Amino acid sequence: MAGKPKENKVSRPARTRARTAAKPAARRSRSTEDTPYHHGALRDALLQAAARVLERDGLAGLTLRAVAREAGVSHAAPTHHFGDLTGLLSELAAIGYRMFNAAMVAANNSEAHPLMKGMASAKAYVAFAQAHPGMYGLMFRNERLDMTRPSLHEAATASFAGLARGVGAGRQEKISGAALEALSLDQAAAIARAWSLVHGFTMLLLDGRLKDILHRLPEGTAPVQLLEAMLRSTGRPPGV
């Protein structure tokens, strides 16, 4: 009979120690940076969260802490994967360029005639910026990006190459490969003219600066109709 109390005294502290030891482990599990993501998916989840913050709150609201909150992970997670805000923005801009390039290729492939290819590409250019204004603005904010980052450099270079190919097609010449690395002044002027026209129109549209012109046109005139008229007035395919 005397042995039973001793067994109880020993067994209760053992269970207490087991429960106590389990609590820190549970807390560590809940605080891991990849909850509720697997390690391989966290980087993509952070970029998706960054894109949402960018379009909702603008570039000024896109911080590492804001992205972590949006993704529901620890504040250290973005730093672990991207180093700093410039790294995150650069990787996000690379995604933007890849999306943009895909839209340009699809538009170009939708038409056969060089003039119509240029029209379709120009419309797709503007449509992309309207659908993703935050992303589009980030893609041209070089002071916030590391253009030497491999993923961004590759995507931006591919975008410029696509522009040059489109302009070359409109001129019935090939501007790619070695030819792209050694442009004539006339070729460079054609590329800069096409890009300036569509990019300038896009920025004016996004900033609301074309409203004064549009409201003077017949009711129901859409911005894309103004763009088409501009492109036709140049007398040459825009080649964008």
Protein backbone atom coordinates (compact mmCIF):
# COMPACT_ATOMS: atom_id res chain seq x y z
CA MET A 1 0.00 0.00 0.00
CA ALA A 2 2.82 2.42 0.76
CA GLY A 3 4.21 2.06 -2.79
CA LYS A 4 1.13 3.46 -4.58
CA PRO A 5 1.51 7.07 -3.48
CA LYS A 6 5.14 6.99 -4.72
CA GLU A 7 3.99 5.79 -8.16
CA ASN A 8 1.44 8.60 -8.37
CA LYS A 9 4.02 11.21 -7.39
CA VAL A 10 6.38 10.01 -10.09
CA SER A 11 3.82 9.61 -12.87
CA ARG A 12 2.15 13.04 -12.53
CA PRO A 13 5.35 15.08 -12.94
CA ALA A 14 6.34 12.92 -15.91
CA ARG A 15 3.08 13.69 -17.70
CA THR A 16 3.45 17.37 -16.79
CA ARG A 17 6.97 17.41 -18.24
CA ALA A 18 5.72 15.76 -21.42
CA ARG A 19 3.00 18.36 -21.87
CA THR A 20 5.41 21.19 -21.12
CA ALA A 21 7.95 19.85 -23.63
CA ALA A 22 5.28 19.61 -26.31
CA LYS A 23 4.18 23.26 -26.07
CA PRO A 24 7.37 24.91 -27.39
CA ALA A 25 7.42 22.45 -30.29
CA ALA A 26 3.87 23.41 -31.19
CA ARG A 27 4.74 27.09 -31.02
CA ARG A 28 7.77 26.55 -33.26
CA SER A 29 5.62 24.72 -35.77
CA ARG A 30 3.11 27.55 -35.96
CA SER A 31 5.81 30.22 -36.34
CA THR A 32 7.71 28.70 -39.24
CA GLU A 33 7.94 31.09 -42.15
CA ASP A 34 6.39 28.75 -44.70
CA THR A 35 3.11 28.14 -42.85
CA PRO A 36 0.73 27.41 -44.52
CA TYR A 37 2.95 26.93 -47.60
CA HIS A 38 5.45 24.27 -48.52
CA HIS A 39 9.00 25.54 -48.94
CA GLY A 40 8.83 25.34 -52.74
CA ALA A 41 5.60 27.34 -52.92
CA LEU A 42 6.43 30.14 -50.50
CA ARG A 43 8.50 32.17 -52.97
CA ASP A 44 5.70 32.11 -55.54
CA ALA A 45 3.13 32.91 -52.85
CA LEU A 46 5.15 35.96 -51.80
CA LEU A 47 5.34 37.20 -55.39
CA GLN A 48 1.61 36.71 -55.84
CA ALA A 49 1.01 38.61 -52.60
CA ALA A 50 3.33 41.39 -53.79
CA ALA A 51 1.39 41.70 -57.04
CA ARG A 52 -1.87 42.07 -55.11
CA VAL A 53 -0.41 44.72 -52.81
CA LEU A 54 1.05 46.60 -55.78
CA GLU A 55 -2.24 46.82 -57.66
CA ARG A 56 -4.24 47.61 -54.54
CA ASP A 57 -1.96 50.00 -52.65
CA GLY A 58 0.47 51.19 -55.30
CA LEU A 59 4.24 51.11 -55.25
CA ALA A 60 4.37 53.31 -52.14
CA GLY A 61 2.43 50.69 -50.20
CA LEU A 62 4.55 47.77 -51.37
CA THR A 63 6.89 46.97 -48.49
CA LEU A 64 8.40 43.71 -47.28
CA ARG A 65 6.18 43.77 -44.19
CA ALA A 66 3.07 44.47 -46.28
CA VAL A 67 3.87 41.51 -48.52
CA ALA A 68 4.45 39.24 -45.52
CA ARG A 69 1.10 40.28 -44.03
CA GLU A 70 -0.66 39.72 -47.35
CA ALA A 71 0.83 36.23 -47.65
CA GLY A 72 0.18 35.42 -43.98
CA VAL A 73 3.80 34.57 -43.16
CA SER A 74 6.52 35.90 -40.87
CA HIS A 75 8.08 39.30 -41.58
CA ALA A 76 11.42 37.60 -42.22
CA ALA A 77 10.14 35.46 -45.10
CA PRO A 78 10.47 38.05 -47.94
CA THR A 79 14.00 38.96 -46.83
CA HIS A 80 14.97 35.30 -46.75
CA HIS A 81 13.83 34.76 -50.33
CA PHE A 82 14.64 38.10 -52.01
CA GLY A 83 17.28 39.77 -49.85
CA ASP A 84 15.69 43.22 -49.78
CA LEU A 85 12.86 45.26 -51.31
CA THR A 86 14.84 45.90 -54.50
CA GLY A 87 15.25 42.16 -54.95
CA LEU A 88 11.54 41.56 -54.50
CA LEU A 89 10.55 44.39 -56.85
CA SER A 90 13.01 43.17 -59.48
CA GLU A 91 11.63 39.64 -59.43
CA LEU A 92 8.09 41.02 -59.57
CA ALA A 93 8.97 43.22 -62.55
CA ALA A 94 10.46 40.18 -64.29
CA ILE A 95 7.09 38.45 -63.96
CA GLY A 96 5.44 41.56 -65.40
CA TYR A 97 7.71 41.54 -68.43
CA ARG A 98 7.05 37.86 -69.05
CA MET A 99 3.29 38.45 -68.89
CA PHE A 100 3.67 41.46 -71.17
CA ASN A 101 5.78 39.53 -73.68
CA ALA A 102 3.24 36.73 -73.81
CA ALA A 103 0.48 39.24 -74.55
CA MET A 104 2.55 40.81 -77.34
CA VAL A 105 3.32 37.45 -78.94
CA ALA A 106 -0.35 36.41 -78.84
CA ALA A 107 -1.43 39.71 -80.41
CA ASN A 108 1.21 39.51 -83.11
CA ASN A 109 0.24 35.94 -83.98
CA SER A 110 -3.45 36.88 -84.23
CA GLU A 111 -2.94 38.76 -87.52
CA ALA A 112 -1.19 38.05 -90.81
CA HIS A 113 -0.71 41.46 -92.46
CA PRO A 114 2.17 43.58 -91.03
CA LEU A 115 -0.09 46.61 -90.55
CA MET A 116 -2.70 44.59 -88.68
CA LYS A 117 0.02 42.87 -86.63
CA GLY A 118 1.23 46.29 -85.52
CA MET A 119 -2.29 47.44 -84.69
CA ALA A 120 -3.00 44.30 -82.67
CA SER A 121 0.26 44.59 -80.76
CA ALA A 122 -0.32 48.26 -79.97
CA LYS A 123 -3.79 47.50 -78.65
CA ALA A 124 -2.43 44.64 -76.56
CA TYR A 125 0.26 46.94 -75.16
CA VAL A 126 -2.34 49.42 -73.94
CA ALA A 127 -4.70 46.69 -72.73
CA PHE A 128 -1.95 45.13 -70.61
CA ALA A 129 -1.20 48.47 -68.95
CA GLN A 130 -4.89 49.09 -68.26
CA ALA A 131 -5.32 45.63 -66.74
CA HIS A 132 -2.13 45.85 -64.64
CA PRO A 133 -1.38 49.55 -64.07
CA GLY A 134 0.71 48.96 -60.97
CA MET A 135 2.80 46.28 -62.63
CA TYR A 136 3.21 48.32 -65.80
CA GLY A 137 4.42 51.32 -63.81
CA LEU A 138 6.89 49.18 -61.86
CA MET A 139 8.39 47.77 -65.06
CA PHE A 140 9.59 51.26 -66.02
CA ARG A 141 10.85 52.37 -62.59
CA ASN A 142 14.52 51.61 -63.11
CA GLU A 143 15.52 53.47 -59.96
CA ARG A 144 13.60 50.90 -57.90
CA LEU A 145 14.90 47.86 -59.80
CA ASP A 146 18.13 45.93 -60.17
CA MET A 147 18.29 45.57 -63.95
CA THR A 148 21.37 43.33 -63.63
CA ARG A 149 19.33 40.66 -61.85
CA PRO A 150 19.35 37.72 -64.32
CA SER A 151 15.61 37.08 -64.40
CA LEU A 152 14.74 40.75 -64.92
CA HIS A 153 17.51 41.37 -67.43
CA GLU A 154 16.42 38.37 -69.49
CA ALA A 155 12.73 39.33 -69.47
CA ALA A 156 13.35 43.00 -70.29
CA THR A 157 15.77 42.09 -73.08
CA ALA A 158 13.21 39.71 -74.57
CA SER A 159 10.65 42.53 -74.49
CA PHE A 160 12.93 44.88 -76.42
CA ALA A 161 13.78 42.14 -78.91
CA GLY A 162 10.07 41.60 -79.53
CA LEU A 163 9.60 45.32 -80.14
CA ALA A 164 12.49 45.34 -82.62
CA ARG A 165 11.14 42.28 -84.46
CA GLY A 166 7.75 43.94 -84.80
CA VAL A 167 9.26 47.13 -86.19
CA GLY A 168 11.43 45.09 -88.55
CA ALA A 169 8.41 43.18 -89.84
CA GLY A 170 6.67 46.46 -90.62
CA ARG A 171 9.75 47.58 -92.54
CA GLN A 172 10.01 44.20 -94.27
CA GLU A 173 13.43 43.55 -92.80
CA LYS A 174 14.80 41.35 -90.04
CA ILE A 175 15.88 43.13 -86.87
CA SER A 176 16.99 40.36 -84.57
CA GLY A 177 20.11 38.49 -83.57
CA ALA A 178 23.25 40.16 -84.87
CA ALA A 179 21.20 42.84 -86.63
CA LEU A 180 19.70 43.90 -83.33
CA GLU A 181 23.16 44.35 -81.84
CA ALA A 182 24.24 46.68 -84.67
CA LEU A 183 21.29 48.90 -85.54
CA SER A 184 21.42 51.54 -88.21
CA LEU A 185 20.33 55.01 -87.17
CA ASP A 186 17.20 54.65 -89.29
CA GLN A 187 16.30 51.35 -87.61
CA ALA A 188 16.90 52.77 -84.16
CA ALA A 189 14.75 55.78 -85.01
CA ALA A 190 11.92 53.51 -86.17
CA ILE A 191 12.05 51.47 -82.95
CA ALA A 192 12.17 54.59 -80.75
CA ARG A 193 9.32 56.22 -82.70
CA ALA A 194 7.03 53.21 -82.39
CA TRP A 195 7.81 52.72 -78.70
CA SER A 196 7.49 56.41 -77.85
CA LEU A 197 4.14 56.71 -79.58
CA VAL A 198 2.44 53.76 -77.87
CA HIS A 199 4.16 54.16 -74.49
CA GLY A 200 3.40 57.90 -74.43
CA PHE A 201 -0.25 57.25 -75.29
CA THR A 202 -0.43 54.59 -72.58
CA MET A 203 1.00 56.84 -69.87
CA LEU A 204 -1.33 59.72 -70.79
CA LEU A 205 -4.28 57.32 -70.68
CA LEU A 206 -3.33 55.84 -67.30
CA ASP A 207 -2.76 59.30 -65.82
CA GLY A 208 -6.16 60.50 -67.04
CA ARG A 209 -4.58 63.15 -69.24
CA LEU A 210 -6.49 62.11 -72.37
CA LYS A 211 -9.91 62.85 -70.86
CA ASP A 212 -9.81 66.42 -72.17
CA ILE A 213 -9.39 65.12 -75.71
CA LEU A 214 -11.81 62.21 -75.43
CA HIS A 215 -14.70 64.28 -74.10
CA ARG A 216 -14.45 66.54 -77.17
CA LEU A 217 -14.95 63.57 -79.50
CA PRO A 218 -18.35 62.08 -80.43
CA GLU A 219 -19.98 60.39 -77.46
CA GLY A 220 -18.92 56.79 -77.07
CA THR A 221 -15.52 57.19 -78.71
CA ALA A 222 -13.19 54.78 -76.92
CA PRO A 223 -9.50 55.36 -76.22
CA VAL A 224 -8.64 52.43 -78.51
CA GLN A 225 -10.31 54.23 -81.41
CA LEU A 226 -8.16 57.28 -80.77
CA LEU A 227 -5.11 55.03 -80.69
CA GLU A 228 -6.04 53.42 -84.01
CA ALA A 229 -6.49 56.85 -85.62
CA MET A 230 -3.08 57.93 -84.31
CA LEU A 231 -1.39 54.83 -85.69
CA ARG A 232 -3.03 55.20 -89.10
CA SER A 233 -2.07 58.86 -89.28
CA THR A 234 1.63 57.92 -89.14
CA GLY A 235 1.25 56.22 -92.52
CA ARG A 236 3.37 53.26 -91.37
CA PRO A 237 2.73 50.15 -89.29
CA PRO A 238 3.45 50.91 -85.64
CA GLY A 239 5.45 47.71 -85.33
CA VAL A 240 5.03 47.53 -81.56
